[in-house]
Amino acid sequence: MVVDGARTVAVEVKARVGADPVDSFTPEQRRRLHRAARRLGPAVRCDLVTVAFGDDGAVVRWIRDV
């Protein structure tokens, strides 16, 4: 859980080596994230953070409102 200003944010984190972590975020996982976030309150935003490990190190992306 993260707080962005006055808003609570539920965050799913995916990490992969040599592949795009976004591809591993399935529609079922998205539904579960949203279902869990609804239990925290009506104004909870759902974000996805990905970490892709490659030859050049790690690339981190924060994707809002998934």
Protein backbone atom coordinates (compact mmCIF):
# COMPACT_ATOMS: atom_id res chain seq x y z
CA MET A 1 0.00 0.00 0.00
CA VAL A 2 1.20 3.50 -0.87
CA VAL A 3 -0.26 6.91 -0.18
CA ASP A 4 -0.20 9.46 -3.03
CA GLY A 5 -1.30 12.73 -1.51
CA ALA A 6 -4.61 11.97 0.16
CA ARG A 7 -5.24 8.88 -1.99
CA THR A 8 -4.41 5.28 -1.10
CA VAL A 9 -2.80 3.20 -3.84
CA ALA A 10 -2.80 -0.60 -4.08
CA VAL A 11 0.32 -1.72 -5.94
CA GLU A 12 1.07 -5.00 -7.71
CA VAL A 13 4.78 -5.61 -8.34
CA LYS A 14 6.04 -7.87 -11.14
CA ALA A 15 9.69 -8.65 -11.86
CA ARG A 16 11.17 -10.72 -14.68
CA VAL A 17 14.59 -11.52 -16.11
CA GLY A 18 14.85 -11.14 -19.88
CA ALA A 19 11.12 -10.60 -20.41
CA ASP A 20 8.54 -7.85 -20.09
CA PRO A 21 6.90 -8.17 -16.65
CA VAL A 22 3.71 -6.51 -17.96
CA ASP A 23 3.04 -9.67 -19.96
CA SER A 24 2.78 -11.65 -16.72
CA PHE A 25 0.04 -9.39 -15.28
CA THR A 26 -3.01 -11.40 -16.27
CA PRO A 27 -6.63 -10.23 -16.37
CA GLU A 28 -7.32 -12.51 -13.39
CA GLN A 29 -4.56 -10.85 -11.36
CA ARG A 30 -5.95 -7.45 -12.30
CA ARG A 31 -9.42 -8.51 -11.07
CA ARG A 32 -7.95 -9.75 -7.77
CA LEU A 33 -6.03 -6.50 -7.27
CA HIS A 34 -9.16 -4.43 -7.87
CA ARG A 35 -11.25 -6.67 -5.61
CA ALA A 36 -8.71 -6.31 -2.77
CA ALA A 37 -8.49 -2.54 -3.32
CA ARG A 38 -12.29 -2.15 -3.07
CA ARG A 39 -12.11 -3.63 0.44
CA LEU A 40 -9.82 -0.75 1.43
CA GLY A 41 -12.25 1.93 0.31
CA PRO A 42 -13.97 3.43 -2.71
CA ALA A 43 -11.19 5.84 -3.71
CA VAL A 44 -8.26 3.40 -3.92
CA ARG A 45 -6.18 3.55 -7.11
CA CYS A 46 -4.59 0.38 -8.50
CA ASP A 47 -1.08 0.63 -9.97
CA LEU A 48 1.44 -1.82 -11.41
CA VAL A 49 5.18 -1.58 -10.79
CA THR A 50 7.40 -3.66 -13.05
CA VAL A 51 11.10 -4.48 -12.76
CA ALA A 52 12.78 -5.89 -15.86
CA PHE A 53 16.27 -7.29 -15.32
CA GLY A 54 18.55 -7.40 -18.34
CA ASP A 55 22.19 -7.11 -19.35
CA ASP A 56 22.12 -3.36 -18.66
CA GLY A 57 20.71 -3.70 -15.15
CA ALA A 58 17.17 -3.16 -13.96
CA VAL A 59 14.45 -1.04 -15.53
CA VAL A 60 11.63 0.01 -13.23
CA ARG A 61 8.27 1.26 -14.53
CA TRP A 62 5.34 2.57 -12.49
CA ILE A 63 2.06 2.23 -14.40
CA ARG A 64 -0.88 4.12 -12.88
CA ASP A 65 -4.53 3.05 -12.97
CA VAL A 66 -4.30 -0.50 -14.26
